[in-house]
Amino acid sequence: MSKPNRAAAWLELLTATGLVLSYIWVWQGSFPGDFVVCLALFLAIALWGHRRRGETARDLGFRLDNLRESATLVFSFVAPLVVLMVIVGLALGLNREPPVPRLLTRVILIPLFGVAQEYALLGFYLRRFEEALPGRWLPVLASATVFALLHAPNSILMGLTLLISLGACWLYRKAPNLWVLGLAHGLLSITVAMFLAKLLIFGLKVGPRVLR
């Protein structure tokens, strides 16, 4: 792995964040396949950085050798949190029952989306901020804050994202496994969407869609 290069790390961070913000706020929905274009450009920036740093898929957390260790650690925190959210949601009547087809779609797709989100947060943002910023906790705070801001102006979703991102960064450092963290992310997303739905005034919308 090459030596840290703060200037290159900042360039990657600013370019990727600018790309995502421009997509969310400016050109989302402007042409067919726009999401695929945004995703491809983001991955190009990220892959260039991985190549520059000599990072492998295993370095990033796409690995199986620590699967049990990571799953034990991650779900020791996530499982009680899920149970708590279910109890609170049912007790306060915050839950909504989505149509069965939509629920099945969520169960299948959200864990995959969770892996993608955790890769962006941890494999890209956290690792780049660790290269760009000093100290141990400043990169964590920066990563979680940026990730939360990408969910603006949905304030409740921003708050949830900030807290979950801080926890994900801590767990990733303990046992880096993006498969496990992505599955946990998906489980939390499904639980929030089903059992705390009425708290999410704007649902999972971000950007100008919240203001419409």
N, C-alpha and C. Protein backbone atom coordinates (compact mmCIF):
# COMPACT_ATOMS: atom_id res chain seq x y z
N MET A 1 0.85 -1.19 0.00
CA MET A 1 0.00 0.00 0.00
C MET A 1 0.89 1.24 0.00
N SER A 2 0.54 2.22 -0.84
CA SER A 2 1.37 3.41 -0.97
C SER A 2 1.22 4.32 0.23
N LYS A 3 2.12 5.30 0.31
CA LYS A 3 2.08 6.25 1.41
C LYS A 3 0.86 7.17 1.28
N PRO A 4 0.34 7.65 2.41
CA PRO A 4 -0.82 8.56 2.37
C PRO A 4 -0.51 9.81 1.57
N ASN A 5 -1.49 10.28 0.82
CA ASN A 5 -1.37 11.48 0.02
C ASN A 5 -2.61 12.34 0.32
N ARG A 6 -2.47 13.30 1.23
CA ARG A 6 -3.63 14.07 1.67
C ARG A 6 -4.27 14.86 0.54
N ALA A 7 -3.46 15.42 -0.34
CA ALA A 7 -4.02 16.22 -1.44
C ALA A 7 -4.89 15.36 -2.34
N ALA A 8 -4.41 14.17 -2.68
CA ALA A 8 -5.18 13.27 -3.55
C ALA A 8 -6.45 12.80 -2.84
N ALA A 9 -6.34 12.53 -1.54
CA ALA A 9 -7.51 12.09 -0.78
C ALA A 9 -8.58 13.18 -0.76
N TRP A 10 -8.17 14.43 -0.53
CA TRP A 10 -9.13 15.53 -0.52
C TRP A 10 -9.76 15.71 -1.89
N LEU A 11 -8.97 15.56 -2.94
CA LEU A 11 -9.51 15.69 -4.31
C LEU A 11 -10.59 14.64 -4.55
N GLU A 12 -10.32 13.41 -4.13
CA GLU A 12 -11.31 12.33 -4.30
C GLU A 12 -12.56 12.61 -3.48
N LEU A 13 -12.38 13.04 -2.23
CA LEU A 13 -13.52 13.31 -1.37
C LEU A 13 -14.40 14.43 -1.92
N LEU A 14 -13.77 15.52 -2.33
CA LEU A 14 -14.53 16.67 -2.83
C LEU A 14 -15.20 16.36 -4.16
N THR A 15 -14.50 15.64 -5.03
CA THR A 15 -15.07 15.30 -6.33
C THR A 15 -16.27 14.37 -6.17
N ALA A 16 -16.11 13.33 -5.35
CA ALA A 16 -17.20 12.37 -5.15
C ALA A 16 -18.40 13.02 -4.48
N THR A 17 -18.14 13.84 -3.45
CA THR A 17 -19.24 14.49 -2.75
C THR A 17 -19.94 15.50 -3.65
N GLY A 18 -19.19 16.25 -4.42
CA GLY A 18 -19.78 17.18 -5.38
C GLY A 18 -20.65 16.47 -6.40
N LEU A 19 -20.17 15.32 -6.86
CA LEU A 19 -20.94 14.52 -7.82
C LEU A 19 -22.28 14.10 -7.23
N VAL A 20 -22.25 13.53 -6.03
CA VAL A 20 -23.48 13.03 -5.40
C VAL A 20 -24.44 14.18 -5.12
N LEU A 21 -23.92 15.29 -4.59
CA LEU A 21 -24.79 16.44 -4.30
C LEU A 21 -25.41 17.01 -5.58
N SER A 22 -24.62 17.08 -6.65
CA SER A 22 -25.15 17.60 -7.90
C SER A 22 -26.24 16.68 -8.44
N TYR A 23 -26.06 15.37 -8.26
CA TYR A 23 -27.09 14.43 -8.71
C TYR A 23 -28.37 14.60 -7.90
N ILE A 24 -28.23 14.64 -6.57
CA ILE A 24 -29.41 14.74 -5.70
C ILE A 24 -30.18 16.03 -5.95
N TRP A 25 -29.46 17.14 -6.09
CA TRP A 25 -30.10 18.46 -6.11
C TRP A 25 -30.33 19.03 -7.50
N VAL A 26 -29.61 18.53 -8.52
CA VAL A 26 -29.69 19.18 -9.83
C VAL A 26 -30.22 18.27 -10.93
N TRP A 27 -29.55 17.15 -11.17
CA TRP A 27 -29.88 16.42 -12.39
C TRP A 27 -30.52 15.05 -12.17
N GLN A 28 -30.93 14.76 -10.93
CA GLN A 28 -31.66 13.52 -10.69
C GLN A 28 -32.99 13.53 -11.45
N GLY A 29 -33.26 12.47 -12.19
CA GLY A 29 -34.50 12.37 -12.96
C GLY A 29 -34.49 13.13 -14.26
N SER A 30 -33.34 13.66 -14.65
CA SER A 30 -33.30 14.49 -15.87
C SER A 30 -33.20 13.66 -17.15
N PHE A 31 -32.79 12.41 -17.05
CA PHE A 31 -32.73 11.54 -18.23
C PHE A 31 -32.75 10.08 -17.78
N PRO A 32 -33.18 9.17 -18.63
CA PRO A 32 -33.21 7.75 -18.27
C PRO A 32 -31.81 7.22 -17.96
N GLY A 33 -31.70 6.49 -16.86
CA GLY A 33 -30.41 5.92 -16.51
C GLY A 33 -29.49 6.88 -15.79
N ASP A 34 -30.01 8.01 -15.32
CA ASP A 34 -29.15 8.99 -14.66
C ASP A 34 -28.50 8.43 -13.39
N PHE A 35 -29.23 7.57 -12.66
CA PHE A 35 -28.66 6.98 -11.45
C PHE A 35 -27.47 6.09 -11.80
N VAL A 36 -27.59 5.34 -12.87
CA VAL A 36 -26.50 4.45 -13.29
C VAL A 36 -25.27 5.27 -13.65
N VAL A 37 -25.49 6.40 -14.30
CA VAL A 37 -24.37 7.28 -14.67
C VAL A 37 -23.69 7.81 -13.41
N CYS A 38 -24.49 8.27 -12.45
CA CYS A 38 -23.93 8.79 -11.20
C CYS A 38 -23.15 7.69 -10.47
N LEU A 39 -23.73 6.51 -10.41
CA LEU A 39 -23.07 5.39 -9.74
C LEU A 39 -21.76 5.03 -10.41
N ALA A 40 -21.76 5.00 -11.74
CA ALA A 40 -20.55 4.66 -12.49
C ALA A 40 -19.45 5.70 -12.25
N LEU A 41 -19.83 6.97 -12.23
CA LEU A 41 -18.83 8.02 -11.99
C LEU A 41 -18.28 7.95 -10.58
N PHE A 42 -19.16 7.70 -9.60
CA PHE A 42 -18.69 7.56 -8.22
C PHE A 42 -17.72 6.39 -8.10
N LEU A 43 -18.07 5.26 -8.71
CA LEU A 43 -17.20 4.09 -8.63
C LEU A 43 -15.86 4.34 -9.34
N ALA A 44 -15.89 5.11 -10.41
CA ALA A 44 -14.64 5.44 -11.11
C ALA A 44 -13.71 6.23 -10.20
N ILE A 45 -14.27 7.21 -9.47
CA ILE A 45 -13.47 7.99 -8.52
C ILE A 45 -12.94 7.10 -7.41
N ALA A 46 -13.82 6.26 -6.87
CA ALA A 46 -13.42 5.38 -5.77
C ALA A 46 -12.36 4.37 -6.21
N LEU A 47 -12.56 3.76 -7.38
CA LEU A 47 -11.62 2.74 -7.86
C LEU A 47 -10.25 3.35 -8.18
N TRP A 48 -10.26 4.57 -8.68
CA TRP A 48 -8.98 5.26 -8.91
C TRP A 48 -8.24 5.43 -7.59
N GLY A 49 -8.97 5.79 -6.55
CA GLY A 49 -8.35 5.95 -5.25
C GLY A 49 -7.85 4.63 -4.68
N HIS A 50 -8.63 3.57 -4.86
CA HIS A 50 -8.18 2.26 -4.37
C HIS A 50 -6.90 1.82 -5.08
N ARG A 51 -6.86 2.08 -6.38
CA ARG A 51 -5.66 1.71 -7.14
C ARG A 51 -4.47 2.57 -6.71
N ARG A 52 -4.72 3.86 -6.50
CA ARG A 52 -3.64 4.75 -6.05
C ARG A 52 -3.06 4.28 -4.73
N ARG A 53 -3.93 3.81 -3.83
CA ARG A 53 -3.50 3.39 -2.50
C ARG A 53 -3.10 1.92 -2.45
N GLY A 54 -3.33 1.19 -3.53
CA GLY A 54 -3.02 -0.23 -3.54
C GLY A 54 -3.96 -1.04 -2.65
N GLU A 55 -5.21 -0.57 -2.51
CA GLU A 55 -6.18 -1.24 -1.64
C GLU A 55 -6.85 -2.39 -2.38
N THR A 56 -6.93 -3.53 -1.73
CA THR A 56 -7.61 -4.69 -2.31
C THR A 56 -9.04 -4.76 -1.77
N ALA A 57 -9.84 -5.64 -2.38
CA ALA A 57 -11.20 -5.86 -1.89
C ALA A 57 -11.18 -6.32 -0.44
N ARG A 58 -10.22 -7.15 -0.10
CA ARG A 58 -10.10 -7.63 1.28
C ARG A 58 -9.78 -6.49 2.23
N ASP A 59 -8.89 -5.57 1.81
CA ASP A 59 -8.57 -4.41 2.64
C ASP A 59 -9.82 -3.60 2.95
N LEU A 60 -10.70 -3.49 1.96
CA LEU A 60 -11.90 -2.67 2.12
C LEU A 60 -12.93 -3.33 3.02
N GLY A 61 -12.90 -4.66 3.11
CA GLY A 61 -13.88 -5.35 3.95
C GLY A 61 -14.73 -6.35 3.20
N PHE A 62 -14.46 -6.55 1.91
CA PHE A 62 -15.15 -7.60 1.16
C PHE A 62 -14.39 -8.90 1.39
N ARG A 63 -14.68 -9.55 2.49
CA ARG A 63 -13.92 -10.71 2.93
C ARG A 63 -14.82 -11.66 3.70
N LEU A 64 -14.33 -12.90 3.85
CA LEU A 64 -15.10 -13.93 4.56
C LEU A 64 -14.37 -14.48 5.76
N ASP A 65 -13.06 -14.21 5.86
CA ASP A 65 -12.27 -14.84 6.92
C ASP A 65 -12.67 -14.37 8.32
N ASN A 66 -13.22 -13.17 8.43
CA ASN A 66 -13.65 -12.66 9.74
C ASN A 66 -15.16 -12.57 9.85
N LEU A 67 -15.85 -13.37 9.03
CA LEU A 67 -17.31 -13.29 8.97
C LEU A 67 -17.95 -13.55 10.33
N ARG A 68 -17.53 -14.61 11.00
CA ARG A 68 -18.13 -14.95 12.29
C ARG A 68 -17.82 -13.88 13.33
N GLU A 69 -16.56 -13.44 13.37
CA GLU A 69 -16.17 -12.42 14.35
C GLU A 69 -16.97 -11.14 14.15
N SER A 70 -17.08 -10.71 12.88
CA SER A 70 -17.80 -9.48 12.59
C SER A 70 -19.29 -9.63 12.87
N ALA A 71 -19.88 -10.74 12.46
CA ALA A 71 -21.31 -10.96 12.67
C ALA A 71 -21.65 -10.98 14.16
N THR A 72 -20.81 -11.65 14.94
CA THR A 72 -21.04 -11.71 16.39
C THR A 72 -21.00 -10.33 17.00
N LEU A 73 -20.00 -9.54 16.60
CA LEU A 73 -19.86 -8.18 17.15
C LEU A 73 -21.00 -7.28 16.69
N VAL A 74 -21.24 -7.25 15.38
CA VAL A 74 -22.22 -6.33 14.81
C VAL A 74 -23.63 -6.62 15.32
N PHE A 75 -24.02 -7.88 15.28
CA PHE A 75 -25.40 -8.19 15.63
C PHE A 75 -25.63 -8.24 17.14
N SER A 76 -24.55 -8.24 17.92
CA SER A 76 -24.73 -8.09 19.37
C SER A 76 -25.24 -6.70 19.70
N PHE A 77 -24.99 -5.74 18.81
CA PHE A 77 -25.53 -4.38 18.97
C PHE A 77 -26.80 -4.19 18.16
N VAL A 78 -26.82 -4.70 16.93
CA VAL A 78 -27.93 -4.44 16.02
C VAL A 78 -29.19 -5.20 16.44
N ALA A 79 -29.05 -6.46 16.84
CA ALA A 79 -30.24 -7.26 17.19
C ALA A 79 -31.05 -6.63 18.34
N PRO A 80 -30.42 -6.24 19.46
CA PRO A 80 -31.21 -5.57 20.52
C PRO A 80 -31.82 -4.26 20.04
N LEU A 81 -31.09 -3.53 19.17
CA LEU A 81 -31.62 -2.27 18.66
C LEU A 81 -32.86 -2.50 17.80
N VAL A 82 -32.83 -3.54 16.98
CA VAL A 82 -33.99 -3.88 16.15
C VAL A 82 -35.18 -4.25 17.02
N VAL A 83 -34.94 -5.09 18.03
CA VAL A 83 -36.02 -5.50 18.94
C VAL A 83 -36.61 -4.27 19.63
N LEU A 84 -35.75 -3.36 20.08
CA LEU A 84 -36.22 -2.14 20.75
C LEU A 84 -37.07 -1.30 19.81
N MET A 85 -36.65 -1.13 18.57
CA MET A 85 -37.41 -0.33 17.61
C MET A 85 -38.76 -0.96 17.32
N VAL A 86 -38.79 -2.28 17.23
CA VAL A 86 -40.06 -2.98 16.99
C VAL A 86 -41.01 -2.76 18.16
N ILE A 87 -40.51 -2.91 19.37
CA ILE A 87 -41.35 -2.74 20.57
C ILE A 87 -41.87 -1.30 20.66
N VAL A 88 -40.97 -0.33 20.47
CA VAL A 88 -41.38 1.08 20.55
C VAL A 88 -42.38 1.41 19.45
N GLY A 89 -42.11 0.94 18.24
CA GLY A 89 -42.99 1.22 17.13
C GLY A 89 -44.39 0.67 17.33
N LEU A 90 -44.47 -0.57 17.82
CA LEU A 90 -45.78 -1.19 18.06
C LEU A 90 -46.49 -0.53 19.24
N ALA A 91 -45.73 -0.23 20.29
CA ALA A 91 -46.34 0.36 21.49
C ALA A 91 -46.90 1.75 21.22
N LEU A 92 -46.21 2.52 20.38
CA LEU A 92 -46.63 3.90 20.09
C LEU A 92 -47.44 4.02 18.81
N GLY A 93 -47.67 2.90 18.16
CA GLY A 93 -48.45 2.94 16.93
C GLY A 93 -47.78 3.66 15.79
N LEU A 94 -46.47 3.54 15.71
CA LEU A 94 -45.71 4.24 14.68
C LEU A 94 -45.51 3.39 13.42
N ASN A 95 -45.96 2.15 13.48
CA ASN A 95 -45.73 1.24 12.38
C ASN A 95 -46.79 1.38 11.29
N ARG A 96 -46.38 1.02 10.08
CA ARG A 96 -47.30 0.92 8.95
C ARG A 96 -47.04 -0.42 8.27
N GLU A 97 -48.07 -1.00 7.73
CA GLU A 97 -47.91 -2.28 7.05
C GLU A 97 -47.88 -2.04 5.55
N PRO A 98 -46.68 -2.17 4.95
CA PRO A 98 -46.59 -1.96 3.51
C PRO A 98 -47.23 -3.12 2.77
N PRO A 99 -47.66 -2.91 1.52
CA PRO A 99 -48.19 -4.02 0.72
C PRO A 99 -47.17 -5.15 0.62
N VAL A 100 -47.66 -6.38 0.58
CA VAL A 100 -46.76 -7.55 0.57
C VAL A 100 -45.74 -7.50 -0.57
N PRO A 101 -46.14 -7.18 -1.81
CA PRO A 101 -45.12 -7.12 -2.89
C PRO A 101 -44.01 -6.12 -2.59
N ARG A 102 -44.40 -4.95 -2.04
CA ARG A 102 -43.39 -3.94 -1.71
C ARG A 102 -42.48 -4.43 -0.59
N LEU A 103 -43.06 -5.12 0.38
CA LEU A 103 -42.27 -5.66 1.49
C LEU A 103 -41.26 -6.68 0.99
N LEU A 104 -41.71 -7.56 0.10
CA LEU A 104 -40.81 -8.58 -0.45
C LEU A 104 -39.67 -7.93 -1.24
N THR A 105 -40.00 -6.88 -1.98
CA THR A 105 -38.97 -6.17 -2.73
C THR A 105 -37.94 -5.56 -1.80
N ARG A 106 -38.42 -4.97 -0.70
CA ARG A 106 -37.50 -4.38 0.28
C ARG A 106 -36.59 -5.43 0.90
N VAL A 107 -37.17 -6.56 1.26
CA VAL A 107 -36.39 -7.62 1.90
C VAL A 107 -35.27 -8.10 0.99
N ILE A 108 -35.55 -8.12 -0.31
CA ILE A 108 -34.55 -8.60 -1.27
C ILE A 108 -33.51 -7.53 -1.60
N LEU A 109 -33.98 -6.30 -1.86
CA LEU A 109 -33.10 -5.27 -2.39
C LEU A 109 -32.38 -4.44 -1.34
N ILE A 110 -33.04 -4.18 -0.20
CA ILE A 110 -32.44 -3.27 0.77
C ILE A 110 -31.11 -3.79 1.33
N PRO A 111 -30.95 -5.10 1.63
CA PRO A 111 -29.62 -5.55 2.07
C PRO A 111 -28.53 -5.30 1.03
N LEU A 112 -28.86 -5.46 -0.26
CA LEU A 112 -27.89 -5.17 -1.32
C LEU A 112 -27.55 -3.68 -1.33
N PHE A 113 -28.58 -2.86 -1.18
CA PHE A 113 -28.37 -1.41 -1.11
C PHE A 113 -27.57 -1.06 0.15
N GLY A 114 -27.79 -1.83 1.23
CA GLY A 114 -27.04 -1.63 2.47
C GLY A 114 -25.56 -1.85 2.28
N VAL A 115 -25.21 -2.91 1.56
CA VAL A 115 -23.79 -3.19 1.27
C VAL A 115 -23.18 -2.02 0.48
N ALA A 116 -23.93 -1.53 -0.51
CA ALA A 116 -23.44 -0.40 -1.32
C ALA A 116 -23.23 0.84 -0.46
N GLN A 117 -24.19 1.11 0.44
CA GLN A 117 -24.07 2.29 1.31
C GLN A 117 -22.90 2.16 2.28
N GLU A 118 -22.73 0.96 2.84
CA GLU A 118 -21.62 0.77 3.77
C GLU A 118 -20.28 0.84 3.06
N TYR A 119 -20.23 0.37 1.82
CA TYR A 119 -19.00 0.52 1.04
C TYR A 119 -18.68 2.00 0.85
N ALA A 120 -19.71 2.79 0.49
CA ALA A 120 -19.47 4.23 0.28
C ALA A 120 -19.02 4.90 1.57
N LEU A 121 -19.70 4.59 2.68
CA LEU A 121 -19.37 5.22 3.96
C LEU A 121 -17.99 4.79 4.46
N LEU A 122 -17.75 3.48 4.46
CA LEU A 122 -16.56 2.93 5.11
C LEU A 122 -15.41 2.68 4.15
N GLY A 123 -15.71 2.04 3.03
CA GLY A 123 -14.66 1.72 2.07
C GLY A 123 -14.12 2.94 1.35
N PHE A 124 -14.98 3.96 1.23
CA PHE A 124 -14.53 5.19 0.56
C PHE A 124 -14.33 6.33 1.55
N TYR A 125 -15.43 6.83 2.15
CA TYR A 125 -15.31 8.04 2.95
C TYR A 125 -14.41 7.88 4.17
N LEU A 126 -14.64 6.86 4.97
CA LEU A 126 -13.83 6.71 6.18
C LEU A 126 -12.36 6.53 5.85
N ARG A 127 -12.06 5.67 4.89
CA ARG A 127 -10.67 5.40 4.55
C ARG A 127 -10.00 6.63 3.93
N ARG A 128 -10.75 7.42 3.17
CA ARG A 128 -10.16 8.63 2.60
C ARG A 128 -9.98 9.72 3.66
N PHE A 129 -10.95 9.83 4.57
CA PHE A 129 -10.78 10.82 5.64
C PHE A 129 -9.67 10.41 6.59
N GLU A 130 -9.43 9.13 6.75
CA GLU A 130 -8.29 8.68 7.57
C GLU A 130 -6.98 9.09 6.92
N GLU A 131 -6.98 9.20 5.61
CA GLU A 131 -5.79 9.65 4.89
C GLU A 131 -5.68 11.17 4.90
N ALA A 132 -6.83 11.85 4.91
CA ALA A 132 -6.83 13.30 4.77
C ALA A 132 -6.76 14.05 6.09
N LEU A 133 -7.24 13.43 7.18
CA LEU A 133 -7.35 14.13 8.46
C LEU A 133 -6.52 13.45 9.55
N PRO A 134 -6.02 14.21 10.50
CA PRO A 134 -5.23 13.63 11.59
C PRO A 134 -6.14 13.01 12.67
N GLY A 135 -5.52 12.23 13.54
CA GLY A 135 -6.24 11.68 14.69
C GLY A 135 -7.05 10.45 14.34
N ARG A 136 -7.65 9.89 15.36
CA ARG A 136 -8.41 8.64 15.20
C ARG A 136 -9.90 8.89 15.03
N TRP A 137 -10.44 9.90 15.71
CA TRP A 137 -11.89 10.09 15.71
C TRP A 137 -12.37 11.19 14.79
N LEU A 138 -11.48 12.09 14.38
CA LEU A 138 -11.88 13.14 13.45
C LEU A 138 -12.34 12.56 12.11
N PRO A 139 -11.64 11.57 11.55
CA PRO A 139 -12.13 10.95 10.30
C PRO A 139 -13.50 10.30 10.46
N VAL A 140 -13.75 9.69 11.63
CA VAL A 140 -15.05 9.06 11.89
C VAL A 140 -16.15 10.11 11.90
N LEU A 141 -15.91 11.21 12.63
CA LEU A 141 -16.90 12.27 12.72
C LEU A 141 -17.14 12.91 11.35
N ALA A 142 -16.08 13.11 10.59
CA ALA A 142 -16.20 13.72 9.27
C ALA A 142 -17.00 12.81 8.34
N SER A 143 -16.72 11.52 8.36
CA SER A 143 -17.41 10.57 7.49
C SER A 143 -18.90 10.53 7.81
N ALA A 144 -19.22 10.41 9.09
CA ALA A 144 -20.62 10.32 9.50
C ALA A 144 -21.36 11.62 9.20
N THR A 145 -20.70 12.75 9.38
CA THR A 145 -21.33 14.04 9.13
C THR A 145 -21.63 14.24 7.65
N VAL A 146 -20.66 13.93 6.80
CA VAL A 146 -20.87 14.07 5.36
C VAL A 146 -22.00 13.15 4.91
N PHE A 147 -21.98 11.93 5.40
CA PHE A 147 -23.01 10.97 5.00
C PHE A 147 -24.39 11.44 5.45
N ALA A 148 -24.47 12.04 6.63
CA ALA A 148 -25.74 12.58 7.11
C ALA A 148 -26.19 13.75 6.24
N LEU A 149 -25.26 14.63 5.88
CA LEU A 149 -25.60 15.80 5.07
C LEU A 149 -26.09 15.42 3.67
N LEU A 150 -25.66 14.26 3.19
CA LEU A 150 -26.14 13.80 1.88
C LEU A 150 -27.62 13.43 1.92
N HIS A 151 -28.19 13.33 3.14
CA HIS A 151 -29.61 13.02 3.29
C HIS A 151 -30.45 14.27 3.59
N ALA A 152 -29.83 15.45 3.48
CA ALA A 152 -30.56 16.71 3.71
C ALA A 152 -31.63 16.88 2.63
N PRO A 153 -32.72 17.61 2.95
CA PRO A 153 -33.05 18.27 4.22
C PRO A 153 -33.98 17.44 5.11
N ASN A 154 -33.98 16.12 4.91
CA ASN A 154 -34.81 15.22 5.71
C ASN A 154 -34.18 15.08 7.09
N SER A 155 -34.54 15.98 8.02
CA SER A 155 -33.82 16.12 9.29
C SER A 155 -33.84 14.85 10.14
N ILE A 156 -34.98 14.17 10.19
CA ILE A 156 -35.05 12.94 11.00
C ILE A 156 -34.15 11.87 10.40
N LEU A 157 -34.19 11.72 9.08
CA LEU A 157 -33.33 10.75 8.41
C LEU A 157 -31.86 11.12 8.58
N MET A 158 -31.56 12.41 8.57
CA MET A 158 -30.19 12.87 8.78
C MET A 158 -29.70 12.47 10.17
N GLY A 159 -30.55 12.67 11.18
CA GLY A 159 -30.17 12.30 12.55
C GLY A 159 -29.93 10.81 12.68
N LEU A 160 -30.83 10.00 12.13
CA LEU A 160 -30.66 8.55 12.18
C LEU A 160 -29.40 8.13 11.44
N THR A 161 -29.17 8.74 10.29
CA THR A 161 -27.98 8.41 9.49
C THR A 161 -26.70 8.74 10.25
N LEU A 162 -26.68 9.88 10.91
CA LEU A 162 -25.49 10.28 11.67
C LEU A 162 -25.18 9.27 12.77
N LEU A 163 -26.19 8.88 13.54
CA LEU A 163 -25.97 7.94 14.64
C LEU A 163 -25.55 6.56 14.13
N ILE A 164 -26.24 6.07 13.11
CA ILE A 164 -25.92 4.75 12.57
C ILE A 164 -24.53 4.76 11.93
N SER A 165 -24.19 5.86 11.26
CA SER A 165 -22.87 5.96 10.61
C SER A 165 -21.74 5.96 11.64
N LEU A 166 -21.92 6.66 12.74
CA LEU A 166 -20.92 6.66 13.80
C LEU A 166 -20.72 5.24 14.33
N GLY A 167 -21.82 4.53 14.56
CA GLY A 167 -21.73 3.15 15.03
C GLY A 167 -21.07 2.25 14.01
N ALA A 168 -21.42 2.43 12.74
CA ALA A 168 -20.84 1.60 11.68
C ALA A 168 -19.33 1.80 11.58
N CYS A 169 -18.87 3.04 11.70
CA CYS A 169 -17.43 3.32 11.65
C CYS A 169 -16.70 2.61 12.80
N TRP A 170 -17.28 2.65 13.97
CA TRP A 170 -16.67 2.01 15.14
C TRP A 170 -16.61 0.50 14.95
N LEU A 171 -17.70 -0.09 14.47
CA LEU A 171 -17.75 -1.54 14.25
C LEU A 171 -16.79 -1.96 13.13
N TYR A 172 -16.69 -1.14 12.11
CA TYR A 172 -15.81 -1.44 10.98
C TYR A 172 -14.36 -1.50 11.42
N ARG A 173 -13.99 -0.61 12.30
CA ARG A 173 -12.61 -0.63 12.80
C ARG A 173 -12.35 -1.85 13.68
N LYS A 174 -13.37 -2.33 14.37
CA LYS A 174 -13.20 -3.50 15.22
C LYS A 174 -13.08 -4.78 14.40
N ALA A 175 -13.93 -4.92 13.39
CA ALA A 175 -13.94 -6.13 12.56
C ALA A 175 -14.47 -5.75 11.18
N PRO A 176 -13.59 -5.30 10.27
CA PRO A 176 -14.02 -4.79 8.98
C PRO A 176 -14.60 -5.86 8.05
N ASN A 177 -15.91 -5.86 7.90
CA ASN A 177 -16.56 -6.78 6.98
C ASN A 177 -17.79 -6.09 6.41
N LEU A 178 -17.71 -5.71 5.15
CA LEU A 178 -18.79 -4.95 4.53
C LEU A 178 -20.02 -5.80 4.25
N TRP A 179 -19.84 -7.12 4.09
CA TRP A 179 -21.01 -7.99 3.90
C TRP A 179 -21.90 -7.96 5.15
N VAL A 180 -21.29 -8.11 6.30
CA VAL A 180 -22.04 -8.14 7.55
C VAL A 180 -22.66 -6.77 7.84
N LEU A 181 -21.86 -5.72 7.70
CA LEU A 181 -22.35 -4.38 7.97
C LEU A 181 -23.45 -3.97 6.98
N GLY A 182 -23.33 -4.42 5.74
CA GLY A 182 -24.37 -4.13 4.75
C GLY A 182 -25.67 -4.83 5.09
N LEU A 183 -25.58 -6.09 5.55
CA LEU A 183 -26.77 -6.82 5.96
C LEU A 183 -27.42 -6.15 7.17
N ALA A 184 -26.58 -5.72 8.13
CA ALA A 184 -27.11 -5.03 9.30
C ALA A 184 -27.77 -3.71 8.91
N HIS A 185 -27.16 -2.99 7.98
CA HIS A 185 -27.72 -1.75 7.47
C HIS A 185 -29.10 -2.00 6.87
N GLY A 186 -29.20 -3.05 6.06
CA GLY A 186 -30.46 -3.39 5.44
C GLY A 186 -31.53 -3.75 6.45
N LEU A 187 -31.13 -4.51 7.48
CA LEU A 187 -32.07 -4.91 8.52
C LEU A 187 -32.59 -3.69 9.28
N LEU A 188 -31.69 -2.77 9.61
CA LEU A 188 -32.11 -1.55 10.30
C LEU A 188 -33.02 -0.70 9.42
N SER A 189 -32.72 -0.61 8.14
CA SER A 189 -33.54 0.19 7.22
C SER A 189 -34.95 -0.37 7.12
N ILE A 190 -35.05 -1.70 6.99
CA ILE A 190 -36.36 -2.34 6.90
C ILE A 190 -37.14 -2.13 8.19
N THR A 191 -36.46 -2.25 9.33
CA THR A 191 -37.13 -2.09 10.62
C THR A 191 -37.64 -0.67 10.80
N VAL A 192 -36.81 0.31 10.46
CA VAL A 192 -37.24 1.71 10.57
C VAL A 192 -38.42 1.97 9.64
N ALA A 193 -38.33 1.48 8.40
CA ALA A 193 -39.39 1.73 7.43
C ALA A 193 -40.71 1.09 7.84
N MET A 194 -40.64 -0.05 8.53
CA MET A 194 -41.86 -0.77 8.90
C MET A 194 -42.42 -0.35 10.26
N PHE A 195 -41.54 -0.14 11.22
CA PHE A 195 -42.02 0.03 12.59
C PHE A 195 -41.90 1.46 13.14
N LEU A 196 -41.13 2.31 12.46
CA LEU A 196 -41.04 3.71 12.88
C LEU A 196 -41.45 4.63 11.74
N ALA A 197 -42.28 4.10 10.85
CA ALA A 197 -42.60 4.80 9.61
C ALA A 197 -43.21 6.18 9.85
N LYS A 198 -44.06 6.30 10.86
CA LYS A 198 -44.76 7.57 11.08
C LYS A 198 -43.85 8.67 11.61
N LEU A 199 -42.65 8.28 12.07
CA LEU A 199 -41.66 9.29 12.46
C LEU A 199 -41.00 9.89 11.23
N LEU A 200 -40.95 9.10 10.15
CA LEU A 200 -40.30 9.56 8.92
C LEU A 200 -41.32 10.34 8.10
N ILE A 201 -41.48 11.61 8.45
CA ILE A 201 -42.49 12.45 7.82
C ILE A 201 -42.32 12.48 6.30
N PHE A 202 -41.07 12.52 5.85
CA PHE A 202 -40.77 12.57 4.42
C PHE A 202 -40.31 11.22 3.88
N GLY A 203 -40.54 10.15 4.66
CA GLY A 203 -40.10 8.84 4.23
C GLY A 203 -38.59 8.79 4.13
N LEU A 204 -38.11 8.16 3.07
CA LEU A 204 -36.66 8.05 2.84
C LEU A 204 -36.21 9.03 1.76
N LYS A 205 -37.03 10.05 1.48
CA LYS A 205 -36.69 11.01 0.45
C LYS A 205 -35.60 11.96 0.91
N VAL A 206 -34.79 12.41 -0.05
CA VAL A 206 -33.75 13.41 0.25
C VAL A 206 -33.77 14.45 -0.86
N GLY A 207 -33.05 15.55 -0.63
CA GLY A 207 -32.93 16.58 -1.67
C GLY A 207 -34.24 17.29 -1.94
N PRO A 208 -34.42 17.80 -3.15
CA PRO A 208 -35.61 18.61 -3.48
C PRO A 208 -36.91 17.83 -3.41
N ARG A 209 -36.85 16.50 -3.44
CA ARG A 209 -38.10 15.71 -3.35
C ARG A 209 -38.78 15.92 -1.99
N VAL A 210 -37.98 16.27 -0.97
CA VAL A 210 -38.55 16.55 0.35
C VAL A 210 -39.36 17.85 0.32
N LEU A 211 -38.97 18.79 -0.53
CA LEU A 211 -39.58 20.11 -0.54
C LEU A 211 -40.81 20.19 -1.44
N ARG A 212 -41.09 19.12 -2.17
CA ARG A 212 -42.22 19.16 -3.08
C ARG A 212 -43.53 18.90 -2.36
